[in-house]
Structure formats: structure tokens, C-alpha cells
Amino acid sequence: ENKGYELMVRNFRTRYGEIDLICRDGNLTVFVEVKAKKGLQFGSPEEMFTSAKYRQVRRMATAYLEGREVPCRIDMVAVELGEMNEVSALRHYENVVCD
């Protein structure tokens, strides 16, 4: 589900890593980190989005923007996969902040 976002870039590589999705939501540039996981025995997809990962996404977003003052936010999408790798649950968190 894209919530009406316009997909701008998929898998954008920077020297800090890769941003999964870069979208536009109205006048906002949205950097989306997708975490997919099969089974919950080692935690949920949300638990994989650590404060270190958040800082990395912020660095990658800054690299993408190259100093331009652009309104933006970071979103996280958690995907739970079933036995046949089908999507069994999908949760979208807008404007995540981790410190």
C-alpha cells in the first residue's frame, strides 16, 4: 500500500548504505526503511530498526539531499512474512524518531 505516495527512487546507494525507498508525500520527501522478517522468534521487524539504524538512515538521507533544505521525514515499514514468504502483516510508521 503506497498511501498515495509517489515513488521517486528505490534502493538508493550512498557510501553509508542503501535507502530502501525515497518517496514524495505532498511537499515532503520521505525516506522509507523497510524491515521484513519471517517468524518472530528473534524479535519483530520493528525491533530490527534500532537507534543505530535510524542514525544510518539519517546520514543517508543527508547524503541524498546534498545540503538542500528540503522538508523530509523518515518512515519505517514493518513486514511480517508467512511460511511461503507471503506478507502476513504490514505496518507503516510515519515520522519515526529514535534516540
N, C-alpha and C. Protein backbone atom coordinates (compact mmCIF):
# COMPACT_ATOMS: atom_id res chain seq x y z
N GLU A 1 0.86 -1.18 0.00
CA GLU A 1 0.00 0.00 0.00
C GLU A 1 0.90 1.24 0.00
N ASN A 2 0.66 2.17 -0.91
CA ASN A 2 1.56 3.32 -1.00
C ASN A 2 1.01 4.58 -0.38
N LYS A 3 -0.21 4.56 0.15
CA LYS A 3 -0.82 5.71 0.82
C LYS A 3 -0.82 6.95 -0.05
N GLY A 4 -0.78 6.77 -1.36
CA GLY A 4 -0.78 7.92 -2.25
C GLY A 4 0.58 8.56 -2.45
N TYR A 5 1.63 7.92 -1.93
CA TYR A 5 2.97 8.46 -2.10
C TYR A 5 3.42 8.26 -3.54
N GLU A 6 4.27 9.14 -4.00
CA GLU A 6 4.90 8.98 -5.32
C GLU A 6 6.29 8.40 -5.10
N LEU A 7 6.55 7.23 -5.66
CA LEU A 7 7.87 6.61 -5.55
C LEU A 7 8.84 7.37 -6.43
N MET A 8 9.92 7.88 -5.83
CA MET A 8 10.93 8.62 -6.57
C MET A 8 12.14 7.74 -6.89
N VAL A 9 12.64 7.03 -5.87
CA VAL A 9 13.85 6.22 -6.02
C VAL A 9 13.70 4.96 -5.18
N ARG A 10 14.18 3.85 -5.71
CA ARG A 10 14.21 2.59 -4.98
C ARG A 10 15.67 2.16 -4.83
N ASN A 11 16.05 1.71 -3.64
CA ASN A 11 17.39 1.18 -3.37
C ASN A 11 18.49 2.18 -3.73
N PHE A 12 18.40 3.39 -3.17
CA PHE A 12 19.40 4.44 -3.43
C PHE A 12 20.65 4.16 -2.60
N ARG A 13 21.77 4.00 -3.27
CA ARG A 13 23.03 3.68 -2.59
C ARG A 13 23.81 4.94 -2.25
N THR A 14 24.31 4.98 -1.02
CA THR A 14 25.22 6.03 -0.58
C THR A 14 26.44 5.34 0.00
N ARG A 15 27.43 6.12 0.38
CA ARG A 15 28.61 5.50 0.99
C ARG A 15 28.30 4.96 2.39
N TYR A 16 27.15 5.36 2.94
CA TYR A 16 26.74 4.91 4.27
C TYR A 16 25.84 3.69 4.22
N GLY A 17 25.39 3.31 3.04
CA GLY A 17 24.47 2.19 2.90
C GLY A 17 23.41 2.49 1.86
N GLU A 18 22.30 1.80 1.96
CA GLU A 18 21.25 1.90 0.95
C GLU A 18 19.92 2.28 1.59
N ILE A 19 19.26 3.28 1.01
CA ILE A 19 17.91 3.67 1.43
C ILE A 19 16.93 2.83 0.61
N ASP A 20 16.01 2.15 1.27
CA ASP A 20 15.09 1.26 0.57
C ASP A 20 14.21 2.02 -0.42
N LEU A 21 13.51 3.05 0.05
CA LEU A 21 12.59 3.81 -0.81
C LEU A 21 12.71 5.29 -0.50
N ILE A 22 12.66 6.10 -1.54
CA ILE A 22 12.54 7.54 -1.37
C ILE A 22 11.28 7.94 -2.11
N CYS A 23 10.35 8.55 -1.38
CA CYS A 23 9.03 8.87 -1.93
C CYS A 23 8.73 10.35 -1.72
N ARG A 24 7.67 10.78 -2.38
CA ARG A 24 7.14 12.12 -2.14
C ARG A 24 5.74 11.97 -1.59
N ASP A 25 5.50 12.71 -0.50
CA ASP A 25 4.18 12.78 0.13
C ASP A 25 3.81 14.25 0.17
N GLY A 26 3.11 14.72 -0.85
CA GLY A 26 2.84 16.15 -0.97
C GLY A 26 4.14 16.89 -1.21
N ASN A 27 4.49 17.82 -0.31
CA ASN A 27 5.75 18.55 -0.47
C ASN A 27 6.89 17.93 0.33
N LEU A 28 6.63 16.81 1.00
CA LEU A 28 7.66 16.15 1.81
C LEU A 28 8.39 15.08 1.03
N THR A 29 9.70 15.02 1.22
CA THR A 29 10.48 13.87 0.76
C THR A 29 10.50 12.88 1.91
N VAL A 30 10.14 11.63 1.63
CA VAL A 30 10.02 10.61 2.67
C VAL A 30 11.04 9.50 2.40
N PHE A 31 11.91 9.27 3.37
CA PHE A 31 12.90 8.20 3.30
C PHE A 31 12.31 7.02 4.07
N VAL A 32 12.15 5.88 3.39
CA VAL A 32 11.45 4.74 3.98
C VAL A 32 12.41 3.57 4.15
N GLU A 33 12.52 3.11 5.38
CA GLU A 33 13.28 1.90 5.70
C GLU A 33 12.29 0.76 5.84
N VAL A 34 12.49 -0.31 5.08
CA VAL A 34 11.61 -1.48 5.12
C VAL A 34 12.32 -2.60 5.85
N LYS A 35 11.68 -3.15 6.86
CA LYS A 35 12.22 -4.28 7.59
C LYS A 35 11.25 -5.45 7.45
N ALA A 36 11.70 -6.52 6.81
CA ALA A 36 10.88 -7.71 6.61
C ALA A 36 11.46 -8.86 7.42
N LYS A 37 10.58 -9.66 7.99
CA LYS A 37 11.04 -10.76 8.84
C LYS A 37 10.07 -11.92 8.76
N LYS A 38 10.63 -13.11 8.71
CA LYS A 38 9.84 -14.35 8.71
C LYS A 38 9.94 -14.94 10.11
N GLY A 39 8.82 -15.03 10.79
CA GLY A 39 8.82 -15.56 12.15
C GLY A 39 9.23 -14.50 13.16
N LEU A 40 8.79 -14.68 14.38
CA LEU A 40 9.06 -13.68 15.42
C LEU A 40 9.95 -14.21 16.54
N GLN A 41 10.55 -15.40 16.36
CA GLN A 41 11.31 -15.99 17.45
C GLN A 41 12.52 -15.15 17.85
N PHE A 42 13.04 -14.32 16.96
CA PHE A 42 14.17 -13.47 17.29
C PHE A 42 13.77 -12.00 17.29
N GLY A 43 12.50 -11.73 17.52
CA GLY A 43 12.02 -10.36 17.59
C GLY A 43 11.21 -9.97 16.36
N SER A 44 10.59 -8.83 16.47
CA SER A 44 9.72 -8.31 15.41
C SER A 44 10.53 -7.48 14.42
N PRO A 45 9.96 -7.18 13.25
CA PRO A 45 10.65 -6.28 12.32
C PRO A 45 10.94 -4.92 12.95
N GLU A 46 10.03 -4.45 13.80
CA GLU A 46 10.24 -3.16 14.47
C GLU A 46 11.50 -3.19 15.33
N GLU A 47 11.75 -4.32 15.98
CA GLU A 47 12.93 -4.42 16.84
C GLU A 47 14.23 -4.40 16.04
N MET A 48 14.14 -4.68 14.74
CA MET A 48 15.33 -4.63 13.88
C MET A 48 15.69 -3.19 13.51
N PHE A 49 14.76 -2.25 13.72
CA PHE A 49 15.01 -0.85 13.40
C PHE A 49 15.55 -0.18 14.67
N THR A 50 16.84 -0.31 14.87
CA THR A 50 17.50 0.17 16.08
C THR A 50 17.84 1.65 15.96
N SER A 51 18.28 2.23 17.07
CA SER A 51 18.70 3.64 17.03
C SER A 51 19.92 3.80 16.12
N ALA A 52 20.79 2.79 16.06
CA ALA A 52 21.94 2.85 15.14
C ALA A 52 21.47 2.86 13.69
N LYS A 53 20.48 2.05 13.37
CA LYS A 53 19.94 2.02 12.00
C LYS A 53 19.27 3.35 11.67
N TYR A 54 18.56 3.93 12.64
CA TYR A 54 17.93 5.23 12.44
C TYR A 54 19.00 6.28 12.11
N ARG A 55 20.08 6.30 12.88
CA ARG A 55 21.17 7.27 12.61
C ARG A 55 21.76 7.05 11.23
N GLN A 56 21.90 5.80 10.82
CA GLN A 56 22.42 5.49 9.48
C GLN A 56 21.47 6.02 8.40
N VAL A 57 20.17 5.81 8.57
CA VAL A 57 19.20 6.31 7.60
C VAL A 57 19.26 7.84 7.54
N ARG A 58 19.41 8.49 8.69
CA ARG A 58 19.55 9.96 8.69
C ARG A 58 20.77 10.40 7.91
N ARG A 59 21.90 9.72 8.10
CA ARG A 59 23.12 10.06 7.34
C ARG A 59 22.90 9.86 5.85
N MET A 60 22.24 8.77 5.47
CA MET A 60 21.98 8.50 4.06
C MET A 60 21.04 9.55 3.48
N ALA A 61 20.03 9.96 4.24
CA ALA A 61 19.09 10.99 3.78
C ALA A 61 19.83 12.30 3.56
N THR A 62 20.72 12.65 4.48
CA THR A 62 21.51 13.88 4.35
C THR A 62 22.38 13.81 3.10
N ALA A 63 22.97 12.65 2.84
CA ALA A 63 23.79 12.48 1.63
C ALA A 63 22.93 12.65 0.38
N TYR A 64 21.73 12.11 0.39
CA TYR A 64 20.83 12.22 -0.76
C TYR A 64 20.46 13.68 -1.01
N LEU A 65 20.18 14.41 0.05
CA LEU A 65 19.75 15.81 -0.08
C LEU A 65 20.89 16.75 -0.45
N GLU A 66 22.13 16.32 -0.23
CA GLU A 66 23.32 17.11 -0.60
C GLU A 66 23.23 18.56 -0.13
N GLY A 67 22.82 18.76 1.12
CA GLY A 67 22.80 20.10 1.69
C GLY A 67 21.59 20.95 1.35
N ARG A 68 20.70 20.44 0.51
CA ARG A 68 19.49 21.20 0.17
C ARG A 68 18.53 21.20 1.35
N GLU A 69 17.90 22.34 1.58
CA GLU A 69 16.88 22.45 2.63
C GLU A 69 15.55 21.97 2.06
N VAL A 70 15.22 20.74 2.32
CA VAL A 70 14.01 20.12 1.79
C VAL A 70 13.23 19.54 2.96
N PRO A 71 11.93 19.83 3.06
CA PRO A 71 11.16 19.20 4.14
C PRO A 71 11.12 17.69 3.93
N CYS A 72 11.47 16.96 4.98
CA CYS A 72 11.54 15.50 4.83
C CYS A 72 11.22 14.83 6.16
N ARG A 73 11.04 13.52 6.07
CA ARG A 73 10.84 12.71 7.27
C ARG A 73 11.32 11.29 6.98
N ILE A 74 11.46 10.51 8.03
CA ILE A 74 11.85 9.11 7.91
C ILE A 74 10.67 8.25 8.37
N ASP A 75 10.27 7.32 7.52
CA ASP A 75 9.22 6.36 7.85
C ASP A 75 9.83 4.96 7.94
N MET A 76 9.14 4.07 8.62
CA MET A 76 9.57 2.68 8.71
C MET A 76 8.38 1.79 8.39
N VAL A 77 8.61 0.78 7.57
CA VAL A 77 7.58 -0.19 7.23
C VAL A 77 8.04 -1.55 7.76
N ALA A 78 7.21 -2.15 8.60
CA ALA A 78 7.49 -3.47 9.16
C ALA A 78 6.65 -4.50 8.41
N VAL A 79 7.31 -5.53 7.90
CA VAL A 79 6.63 -6.57 7.13
C VAL A 79 6.89 -7.92 7.80
N GLU A 80 5.81 -8.62 8.13
CA GLU A 80 5.93 -9.98 8.64
C GLU A 80 5.59 -10.93 7.50
N LEU A 81 6.45 -11.93 7.30
CA LEU A 81 6.27 -12.90 6.22
C LEU A 81 5.79 -14.23 6.78
N GLY A 82 4.91 -14.89 6.03
CA GLY A 82 4.41 -16.20 6.40
C GLY A 82 5.31 -17.31 5.90
N GLU A 83 4.87 -18.53 6.06
CA GLU A 83 5.64 -19.72 5.69
C GLU A 83 6.08 -19.73 4.23
N MET A 84 5.25 -19.22 3.34
CA MET A 84 5.57 -19.22 1.90
C MET A 84 6.06 -17.84 1.45
N ASN A 85 6.61 -17.07 2.39
CA ASN A 85 7.10 -15.71 2.14
C ASN A 85 6.02 -14.74 1.70
N GLU A 86 4.76 -15.07 1.98
CA GLU A 86 3.67 -14.13 1.69
C GLU A 86 3.61 -13.10 2.83
N VAL A 87 3.14 -11.92 2.51
CA VAL A 87 3.01 -10.87 3.53
C VAL A 87 1.83 -11.23 4.43
N SER A 88 2.13 -11.45 5.71
CA SER A 88 1.06 -11.77 6.66
C SER A 88 0.65 -10.54 7.48
N ALA A 89 1.54 -9.57 7.58
CA ALA A 89 1.22 -8.32 8.28
C ALA A 89 2.14 -7.23 7.75
N LEU A 90 1.58 -6.02 7.65
CA LEU A 90 2.36 -4.87 7.20
C LEU A 90 1.93 -3.67 8.04
N ARG A 91 2.93 -3.01 8.65
CA ARG A 91 2.66 -1.84 9.48
C ARG A 91 3.55 -0.69 9.02
N HIS A 92 2.96 0.49 8.86
CA HIS A 92 3.67 1.68 8.39
C HIS A 92 3.73 2.69 9.53
N TYR A 93 4.94 3.10 9.89
CA TYR A 93 5.14 4.09 10.94
C TYR A 93 5.69 5.36 10.30
N GLU A 94 4.94 6.44 10.41
CA GLU A 94 5.36 7.71 9.82
C GLU A 94 6.18 8.51 10.83
N ASN A 95 7.19 9.21 10.30
CA ASN A 95 7.97 10.17 11.07
C ASN A 95 8.57 9.53 12.33
N VAL A 96 9.27 8.42 12.14
CA VAL A 96 9.88 7.74 13.28
C VAL A 96 11.06 8.55 13.80
N VAL A 97 11.26 8.48 15.10
CA VAL A 97 12.39 9.13 15.74
C VAL A 97 12.95 8.15 16.75
N CYS A 98 14.25 7.91 16.67
CA CYS A 98 14.92 7.01 17.61
C CYS A 98 16.14 7.74 18.15
N ASP A 99 16.28 7.76 19.45
CA ASP A 99 17.47 8.39 20.06
C ASP A 99 18.24 7.42 20.90
